Amino acid sequence: MQLNNSKPTTDRRGFLGTLALGAGAVSIASLSVPLQVVAASEKFSFPADEDPDAWFNKITGKHRIVFDVTAPHEIFPFAWPRVFMITNTMTGTPEKSCNEVIILRHEAIPYALEDRLWAKYKMGEMFKITDPATKEPSVRNMFWKPKPGDFSVPGIGNVQIGINELQESGAMFCVCNMAITVFSAAIAQASNADAGEVKNDFLSGVLPGVQVVPSGVWAVGRAQEHGCAYCFVA
C-alpha cells in the first residue's frame, strides 16, 4: 500500500510542541500571543450566522461512528472510514445508510485545507508531512481529489480514500476552529503578520463540504451525543 509518510513529531502532551515555518521555529514557550488570541472571546467567537449544532442533525444512519483525528497518521484517517463503509456493505447495510464523522483537529487540520495554503504556509514542513511523489515536505493536500493510483492495495488495486471520494459516499468532515486559531496565530507571530488576517486566509481555504466547528473536542462530544461510536485514529 502506498503511504503518506507523515509522522507526528510534536509532543502532544505539550499541546503544540514545535512548529517549523521556513527557517524559523515557534516553540510552545513562545506561544503566549497565539494563546492570548484564543483567550480573547471577541476574536475567537464563532460566526453568528453559522450553527454547527445543526450540522450534526444529518447523522441519522443505522450505524454511526466518529473518527477522532489528532495528527496526520499516514493514510489511516481516510482508510478507516472507507473500511467501515465496505464492511458494513458486506454485512448488509449500504454505505448511504451509515454515518462516518471525521474530525480533523490539532495537528490534522492541514487536511481540511486547500493546496494553496499548503504551499503558502509550508504545511508539509510544519507538520512533518512528506509527499510520497517527491519525497519532500508536501506542498499539496494529497487526500483532496487524488489521482487514480495514488493509493492502492496489493491484490485490490486503487482505493477511493480521497476526502472528496469519501464525501461522495456520505462521510462527514469537520475541522477544529480552535486549532485553526492557534496555529494561524503562531504563523502570524513567526512572520510578523496580522493574526486575524492569517486566520481568515485559513478559513477561506477550507475545503468544500468541510464544516468548521468550535473545537475538535466539542465535535467529538456532539457526535457521541448523536449516537456515534468513538474511534481514535492512530
C-alpha atoms as a PDB file:
ATOM      1  CA  MET A   1       0.000   0.000   0.000  1.00  0.00           C
ATOM      2  CA  GLN A   2       1.282   3.431  -0.862  1.00  0.00           C
ATOM      3  CA  LEU A   3       1.608   5.512   2.253  1.00  0.00           C
ATOM      4  CA  ASN A   4       1.749   9.170   3.087  1.00  0.00           C
ATOM      5  CA  ASN A   5       4.916   9.035   5.144  1.00  0.00           C
ATOM      6  CA  SER A   6       3.713  11.528   7.730  1.00  0.00           C
ATOM      7  CA  LYS A   7       4.914  11.105  11.313  1.00  0.00           C
ATOM      8  CA  PRO A   8       3.804  13.497  14.040  1.00  0.00           C
ATOM      9  CA  THR A   9       6.927  14.537  15.938  1.00  0.00           C
ATOM     10  CA  THR A  10       5.481  17.051  18.347  1.00  0.00           C
ATOM     11  CA  ASP A  11       4.805  16.154  21.961  1.00  0.00           C
ATOM     12  CA  ARG A  12       1.024  16.122  22.143  1.00  0.00           C
ATOM     13  CA  ARG A  13       1.134  16.246  25.919  1.00  0.00           C
ATOM     14  CA  GLY A  14       2.696  19.681  25.454  1.00  0.00           C
ATOM     15  CA  PHE A  15      -0.156  20.508  23.022  1.00  0.00           C
ATOM     16  CA  LEU A  16       1.712  22.240  20.216  1.00  0.00           C
ATOM     17  CA  GLY A  17       5.339  21.217  20.731  1.00  0.00           C
ATOM     18  CA  THR A  18       7.357  22.794  17.949  1.00  0.00           C
ATOM     19  CA  LEU A  19       6.179  24.301  14.687  1.00  0.00           C
ATOM     20  CA  ALA A  20       8.532  24.882  11.770  1.00  0.00           C
ATOM     21  CA  LEU A  21       7.878  27.802   9.434  1.00  0.00           C
ATOM     22  CA  GLY A  22      10.528  28.155   6.778  1.00  0.00           C
ATOM     23  CA  ALA A  23      13.834  28.709   8.529  1.00  0.00           C
ATOM     24  CA  GLY A  24      12.146  29.929  11.732  1.00  0.00           C
ATOM     25  CA  ALA A  25      10.822  27.938  14.644  1.00  0.00           C
ATOM     26  CA  VAL A  26       7.987  28.578  17.082  1.00  0.00           C
ATOM     27  CA  SER A  27       8.146  26.687  20.356  1.00  0.00           C
ATOM     28  CA  ILE A  28       5.452  26.228  22.955  1.00  0.00           C
ATOM     29  CA  ALA A  29       7.308  28.687  25.185  1.00  0.00           C
ATOM     30  CA  SER A  30       6.748  31.420  22.599  1.00  0.00           C
ATOM     31  CA  LEU A  31       3.037  30.807  22.056  1.00  0.00           C
ATOM     32  CA  SER A  32       1.762  33.321  24.592  1.00  0.00           C
ATOM     33  CA  VAL A  33       0.469  35.640  21.885  1.00  0.00           C
ATOM     34  CA  PRO A  34      -1.412  32.915  19.935  1.00  0.00           C
ATOM     35  CA  LEU A  35      -2.953  31.621  23.137  1.00  0.00           C
ATOM     36  CA  GLN A  36      -3.994  35.164  24.059  1.00  0.00           C
ATOM     37  CA  VAL A  37      -5.787  35.297  20.701  1.00  0.00           C
ATOM     38  CA  VAL A  38      -7.767  32.216  21.695  1.00  0.00           C
ATOM     39  CA  ALA A  39      -8.495  33.631  25.138  1.00  0.00           C
ATOM     40  CA  ALA A  40      -9.904  36.842  23.639  1.00  0.00           C
ATOM     41  CA  SER A  41     -13.510  35.822  23.123  1.00  0.00           C
ATOM     42  CA  GLU A  42     -14.261  38.584  20.622  1.00  0.00           C
ATOM     43  CA  LYS A  43     -11.515  37.226  18.355  1.00  0.00           C
ATOM     44  CA  PHE A  44     -12.389  33.573  18.840  1.00  0.00           C
ATOM     45  CA  SER A  45     -16.182  33.817  18.767  1.00  0.00           C
ATOM     46  CA  PHE A  46     -17.888  31.598  16.211  1.00  0.00           C
ATOM     47  CA  PRO A  47     -19.679  33.315  13.297  1.00  0.00           C
ATOM     48  CA  ALA A  48     -23.197  34.211  14.399  1.00  0.00           C
ATOM     49  CA  ASP A  49     -24.716  33.087  11.096  1.00  0.00           C
ATOM     50  CA  GLU A  50     -23.397  29.529  11.469  1.00  0.00           C
ATOM     51  CA  ASP A  51     -24.969  26.786  13.544  1.00  0.00           C
ATOM     52  CA  PRO A  52     -22.531  23.875  13.811  1.00  0.00           C
ATOM     53  CA  ASP A  53     -25.000  22.002  16.016  1.00  0.00           C
ATOM     54  CA  ALA A  54     -27.392  21.803  13.062  1.00  0.00           C
ATOM     55  CA  TRP A  55     -24.713  20.048  11.008  1.00  0.00           C
ATOM     56  CA  PHE A  56     -24.851  17.077  13.382  1.00  0.00           C
ATOM     57  CA  ASN A  57     -28.557  16.631  12.716  1.00  0.00           C
ATOM     58  CA  LYS A  58     -27.504  14.980   9.451  1.00  0.00           C
ATOM     59  CA  ILE A  59     -26.461  11.953  11.497  1.00  0.00           C
ATOM     60  CA  THR A  60     -29.446   9.663  11.006  1.00  0.00           C
ATOM     61  CA  GLY A  61     -27.885   6.418   9.753  1.00  0.00           C
ATOM     62  CA  LYS A  62     -28.342   2.935  11.139  1.00  0.00           C
ATOM     63  CA  HIS A  63     -24.661   2.591  12.079  1.00  0.00           C
ATOM     64  CA  ARG A  64     -22.727   5.656  13.240  1.00  0.00           C
ATOM     65  CA  ILE A  65     -19.072   6.257  14.062  1.00  0.00           C
ATOM     66  CA  VAL A  66     -16.803   9.227  14.720  1.00  0.00           C
ATOM     67  CA  PHE A  67     -13.108   9.120  13.810  1.00  0.00           C
ATOM     68  CA  ASP A  68     -11.042  11.383  16.061  1.00  0.00           C
ATOM     69  CA  VAL A  69      -8.016  12.540  14.047  1.00  0.00           C
ATOM     70  CA  THR A  70      -5.408  14.494  16.036  1.00  0.00           C
ATOM     71  CA  ALA A  71      -2.384  14.074  13.743  1.00  0.00           C
ATOM     72  CA  PRO A  72      -1.659  13.134  10.107  1.00  0.00           C
ATOM     73  CA  HIS A  73      -1.256   9.375  10.902  1.00  0.00           C
ATOM     74  CA  GLU A  74      -0.381   8.413   7.311  1.00  0.00           C
ATOM     75  CA  ILE A  75      -3.417   7.161   5.328  1.00  0.00           C
ATOM     76  CA  PHE A  76      -5.428   5.952   8.309  1.00  0.00           C
ATOM     77  CA  PRO A  77      -7.730   8.990   8.839  1.00  0.00           C
ATOM     78  CA  PHE A  78      -9.149   8.190   5.392  1.00  0.00           C
ATOM     79  CA  ALA A  79      -8.655   4.440   5.118  1.00  0.00           C
ATOM     80  CA  TRP A  80     -10.642   3.578   8.261  1.00  0.00           C
ATOM     81  CA  PRO A  81     -13.836   5.385   7.168  1.00  0.00           C
ATOM     82  CA  ARG A  82     -13.691   3.519   3.844  1.00  0.00           C
ATOM     83  CA  VAL A  83     -13.150   0.216   5.653  1.00  0.00           C
ATOM     84  CA  PHE A  84     -16.191   0.995   7.830  1.00  0.00           C
ATOM     85  CA  MET A  85     -18.277   1.578   4.691  1.00  0.00           C
ATOM     86  CA  ILE A  86     -17.036  -1.519   2.883  1.00  0.00           C
ATOM     87  CA  THR A  87     -17.529  -3.903   5.772  1.00  0.00           C
ATOM     88  CA  ASN A  88     -20.985  -2.545   6.589  1.00  0.00           C
ATOM     89  CA  THR A  89     -21.956  -3.099   2.960  1.00  0.00           C
ATOM     90  CA  MET A  90     -20.600  -6.650   3.220  1.00  0.00           C
ATOM     91  CA  THR A  91     -22.779  -7.255   6.287  1.00  0.00           C
ATOM     92  CA  GLY A  92     -25.978  -5.893   4.798  1.00  0.00           C
ATOM     93  CA  THR A  93     -26.023  -2.123   5.398  1.00  0.00           C
ATOM     94  CA  PRO A  94     -25.417   0.108   2.337  1.00  0.00           C
ATOM     95  CA  GLU A  95     -22.848   2.867   2.840  1.00  0.00           C
ATOM     96  CA  LYS A  96     -25.507   5.563   2.439  1.00  0.00           C
ATOM     97  CA  SER A  97     -27.340   4.099   5.443  1.00  0.00           C
ATOM     98  CA  CYS A  98     -24.314   4.622   7.692  1.00  0.00           C
ATOM     99  CA  ASN A  99     -22.688   7.746   9.114  1.00  0.00           C
ATOM    100  CA  GLU A 100     -18.967   8.423   9.345  1.00  0.00           C
ATOM    101  CA  VAL A 101     -17.896  11.657  11.012  1.00  0.00           C
ATOM    102  CA  ILE A 102     -14.208  12.512  10.590  1.00  0.00           C
ATOM    103  CA  ILE A 103     -12.938  15.228  12.938  1.00  0.00           C
ATOM    104  CA  LEU A 104      -9.709  16.908  11.830  1.00  0.00           C
ATOM    105  CA  ARG A 105      -8.252  18.602  14.893  1.00  0.00           C
ATOM    106  CA  HIS A 106      -4.912  19.538  16.462  1.00  0.00           C
ATOM    107  CA  GLU A 107      -2.119  18.597  14.019  1.00  0.00           C
ATOM    108  CA  ALA A 108      -4.532  17.110  11.459  1.00  0.00           C
ATOM    109  CA  ILE A 109      -6.060  20.439  10.387  1.00  0.00           C
ATOM    110  CA  PRO A 110      -3.945  20.771   7.199  1.00  0.00           C
ATOM    111  CA  TYR A 111      -6.050  18.022   5.620  1.00  0.00           C
ATOM    112  CA  ALA A 112      -9.061  20.337   5.791  1.00  0.00           C
ATOM    113  CA  LEU A 113      -7.242  22.990   3.744  1.00  0.00           C
ATOM    114  CA  GLU A 114      -6.689  23.559   0.039  1.00  0.00           C
ATOM    115  CA  ASP A 115      -3.368  23.216  -1.792  1.00  0.00           C
ATOM    116  CA  ARG A 116      -2.833  26.979  -1.923  1.00  0.00           C
ATOM    117  CA  LEU A 117      -2.420  27.146   1.850  1.00  0.00           C
ATOM    118  CA  TRP A 118      -0.134  24.112   1.939  1.00  0.00           C
ATOM    119  CA  ALA A 119       2.240  25.862  -0.450  1.00  0.00           C
ATOM    120  CA  LYS A 120       1.938  29.334   1.065  1.00  0.00           C
ATOM    121  CA  TYR A 121       2.480  28.318   4.693  1.00  0.00           C
ATOM    122  CA  LYS A 122       4.742  25.296   4.124  1.00  0.00           C
ATOM    123  CA  MET A 123       2.293  22.929   5.788  1.00  0.00           C
ATOM    124  CA  GLY A 124       4.319  19.854   4.938  1.00  0.00           C
ATOM    125  CA  GLU A 125       7.356  21.314   6.661  1.00  0.00           C
ATOM    126  CA  MET A 126       5.383  22.488   9.683  1.00  0.00           C
ATOM    127  CA  PHE A 127       3.524  19.253  10.269  1.00  0.00           C
ATOM    128  CA  LYS A 128       6.235  16.853   9.034  1.00  0.00           C
ATOM    129  CA  ILE A 129       4.169  15.507   6.129  1.00  0.00           C
ATOM    130  CA  THR A 130       6.148  14.067   3.229  1.00  0.00           C
ATOM    131  CA  ASP A 131       4.759  13.863  -0.288  1.00  0.00           C
ATOM    132  CA  PRO A 132       5.445  10.297  -1.486  1.00  0.00           C
ATOM    133  CA  ALA A 133       5.670  11.550  -5.070  1.00  0.00           C
ATOM    134  CA  THR A 134       8.501  13.999  -4.385  1.00  0.00           C
ATOM    135  CA  LYS A 135       9.934  12.641  -1.108  1.00  0.00           C
ATOM    136  CA  GLU A 136       9.922  16.268   0.073  1.00  0.00           C
ATOM    137  CA  PRO A 137       7.719  18.141   2.557  1.00  0.00           C
ATOM    138  CA  SER A 138       4.315  18.258   0.914  1.00  0.00           C
ATOM    139  CA  VAL A 139       3.032  21.461  -0.657  1.00  0.00           C
ATOM    140  CA  ARG A 140      -0.316  19.889  -1.539  1.00  0.00           C
ATOM    141  CA  ASN A 141      -3.195  18.160   0.180  1.00  0.00           C
ATOM    142  CA  MET A 142      -2.683  14.716  -1.322  1.00  0.00           C
ATOM    143  CA  PHE A 143      -6.028  13.474   0.014  1.00  0.00           C
ATOM    144  CA  TRP A 144      -8.083  16.076  -1.848  1.00  0.00           C
ATOM    145  CA  LYS A 145      -9.013  14.835  -5.327  1.00  0.00           C
ATOM    146  CA  PRO A 146      -6.208  12.243  -5.543  1.00  0.00           C
ATOM    147  CA  LYS A 147      -5.294  10.831  -8.917  1.00  0.00           C
ATOM    148  CA  PRO A 148      -6.152   7.209  -9.808  1.00  0.00           C
ATOM    149  CA  GLY A 149      -3.401   5.017  -8.450  1.00  0.00           C
ATOM    150  CA  ASP A 150      -2.255   7.438  -5.760  1.00  0.00           C
ATOM    151  CA  PHE A 151      -3.499   4.999  -3.123  1.00  0.00           C
ATOM    152  CA  SER A 152      -3.579   1.314  -3.908  1.00  0.00           C
ATOM    153  CA  VAL A 153      -3.632  -2.008  -2.063  1.00  0.00           C
ATOM    154  CA  PRO A 154      -1.792  -5.077  -3.418  1.00  0.00           C
ATOM    155  CA  GLY A 155      -4.318  -7.521  -4.828  1.00  0.00           C
ATOM    156  CA  ILE A 156      -7.117  -4.951  -4.717  1.00  0.00           C
ATOM    157  CA  GLY A 157      -5.876  -2.005  -6.733  1.00  0.00           C
ATOM    158  CA  ASN A 158      -6.899   1.627  -6.430  1.00  0.00           C
ATOM    159  CA  VAL A 159      -8.787   2.507  -3.254  1.00  0.00           C
ATOM    160  CA  GLN A 160     -11.032   5.544  -3.016  1.00  0.00           C
ATOM    161  CA  ILE A 161      -9.882   7.271   0.160  1.00  0.00           C
ATOM    162  CA  GLY A 162      -9.737  10.845  -1.093  1.00  0.00           C
ATOM    163  CA  ILE A 163     -11.701  13.302   1.033  1.00  0.00           C
ATOM    164  CA  ASN A 164     -13.922  14.144  -1.938  1.00  0.00           C
ATOM    165  CA  GLU A 165     -14.469  10.440  -2.648  1.00  0.00           C
ATOM    166  CA  LEU A 166     -15.430   9.739   0.956  1.00  0.00           C
ATOM    167  CA  GLN A 167     -17.783  12.744   0.920  1.00  0.00           C
ATOM    168  CA  GLU A 168     -19.475  11.334  -2.180  1.00  0.00           C
ATOM    169  CA  SER A 169     -20.093   8.157  -0.185  1.00  0.00           C
ATOM    170  CA  GLY A 170     -21.684  10.124   2.652  1.00  0.00           C
ATOM    171  CA  ALA A 171     -18.776  10.746   5.026  1.00  0.00           C
ATOM    172  CA  MET A 172     -18.906  13.993   7.003  1.00  0.00           C
ATOM    173  CA  PHE A 173     -15.744  16.004   7.654  1.00  0.00           C
ATOM    174  CA  CYS A 174     -15.233  18.839  10.119  1.00  0.00           C
ATOM    175  CA  VAL A 175     -12.234  20.877  11.285  1.00  0.00           C
ATOM    176  CA  CYS A 176     -11.354  22.457  14.626  1.00  0.00           C
ATOM    177  CA  ASN A 177     -11.682  26.252  14.776  1.00  0.00           C
ATOM    178  CA  MET A 178      -9.635  26.325  17.992  1.00  0.00           C
ATOM    179  CA  ALA A 179      -6.660  24.667  16.276  1.00  0.00           C
ATOM    180  CA  ILE A 180      -7.022  26.937  13.246  1.00  0.00           C
ATOM    181  CA  THR A 181      -6.947  29.944  15.574  1.00  0.00           C
ATOM    182  CA  VAL A 182      -3.841  28.836  17.459  1.00  0.00           C
ATOM    183  CA  PHE A 183      -1.801  27.570  14.509  1.00  0.00           C
ATOM    184  CA  SER A 184      -2.605  30.584  12.336  1.00  0.00           C
ATOM    185  CA  ALA A 185      -1.697  32.923  15.200  1.00  0.00           C
ATOM    186  CA  ALA A 186       1.597  31.077  15.686  1.00  0.00           C
ATOM    187  CA  ILE A 187       2.368  31.508  11.989  1.00  0.00           C
ATOM    188  CA  ALA A 188       1.472  35.192  12.203  1.00  0.00           C
ATOM    189  CA  GLN A 189       3.713  35.618  15.227  1.00  0.00           C
ATOM    190  CA  ALA A 190       6.655  33.948  13.453  1.00  0.00           C
ATOM    191  CA  SER A 191       6.259  36.056  10.306  1.00  0.00           C
ATOM    192  CA  ASN A 192       5.213  39.378  11.889  1.00  0.00           C
ATOM    193  CA  ALA A 193       1.848  39.174  10.159  1.00  0.00           C
ATOM    194  CA  ASP A 194      -1.622  40.031  11.447  1.00  0.00           C
ATOM    195  CA  ALA A 195      -3.147  37.041  13.269  1.00  0.00           C
ATOM    196  CA  GLY A 196      -6.666  37.874  12.135  1.00  0.00           C
ATOM    197  CA  GLU A 197      -5.642  38.092   8.501  1.00  0.00           C
ATOM    198  CA  VAL A 198      -3.812  34.771   8.599  1.00  0.00           C
ATOM    199  CA  LYS A 199      -6.759  33.066  10.288  1.00  0.00           C
ATOM    200  CA  ASN A 200      -9.156  34.478   7.697  1.00  0.00           C
ATOM    201  CA  ASP A 201      -6.831  33.159   4.999  1.00  0.00           C
ATOM    202  CA  PHE A 202      -7.027  29.710   6.579  1.00  0.00           C
ATOM    203  CA  LEU A 203     -10.816  29.867   6.781  1.00  0.00           C
ATOM    204  CA  SER A 204     -11.089  30.995   3.160  1.00  0.00           C
ATOM    205  CA  GLY A 205      -9.235  27.855   2.130  1.00  0.00           C
ATOM    206  CA  VAL A 206     -11.280  25.247   3.998  1.00  0.00           C
ATOM    207  CA  LEU A 207     -12.249  22.522   1.528  1.00  0.00           C
ATOM    208  CA  PRO A 208     -15.793  22.353   0.137  1.00  0.00           C
ATOM    209  CA  GLY A 209     -18.129  20.407   2.370  1.00  0.00           C
ATOM    210  CA  VAL A 210     -15.867  20.535   5.431  1.00  0.00           C
ATOM    211  CA  GLN A 211     -17.671  22.040   8.431  1.00  0.00           C
ATOM    212  CA  VAL A 212     -15.771  24.380  10.742  1.00  0.00           C
ATOM    213  CA  VAL A 213     -16.685  23.558  14.354  1.00  0.00           C
ATOM    214  CA  PRO A 214     -15.843  25.481  17.546  1.00  0.00           C
ATOM    215  CA  SER A 215     -13.321  22.842  18.600  1.00  0.00           C
ATOM    216  CA  GLY A 216     -12.473  19.261  17.797  1.00  0.00           C
ATOM    217  CA  VAL A 217     -13.218  18.044  21.304  1.00  0.00           C
ATOM    218  CA  TRP A 218     -16.576  19.851  21.157  1.00  0.00           C
ATOM    219  CA  ALA A 219     -17.302  17.941  17.936  1.00  0.00           C
ATOM    220  CA  VAL A 220     -16.283  14.616  19.495  1.00  0.00           C
ATOM    221  CA  GLY A 221     -18.846  15.213  22.218  1.00  0.00           C
ATOM    222  CA  ARG A 222     -21.580  16.261  19.804  1.00  0.00           C
ATOM    223  CA  ALA A 223     -21.004  13.252  17.557  1.00  0.00           C
ATOM    224  CA  GLN A 224     -21.298  10.888  20.509  1.00  0.00           C
ATOM    225  CA  GLU A 225     -24.439  12.664  21.687  1.00  0.00           C
ATOM    226  CA  HIS A 226     -25.835  11.828  18.235  1.00  0.00           C
ATOM    227  CA  GLY A 227     -25.124   8.137  18.697  1.00  0.00           C
ATOM    228  CA  CYS A 228     -21.682   7.792  17.110  1.00  0.00           C
ATOM    229  CA  ALA A 229     -19.298   5.142  18.393  1.00  0.00           C
ATOM    230  CA  TYR A 230     -15.841   6.575  19.093  1.00  0.00           C
ATOM    231  CA  CYS A 231     -12.701   5.572  17.182  1.00  0.00           C
ATOM    232  CA  PHE A 232      -9.326   7.238  17.819  1.00  0.00           C
ATOM    233  CA  VAL A 233      -7.223   7.235  14.652  1.00  0.00           C
ATOM    234  CA  ALA A 234      -3.664   6.109  15.316  1.00  0.00           C
END
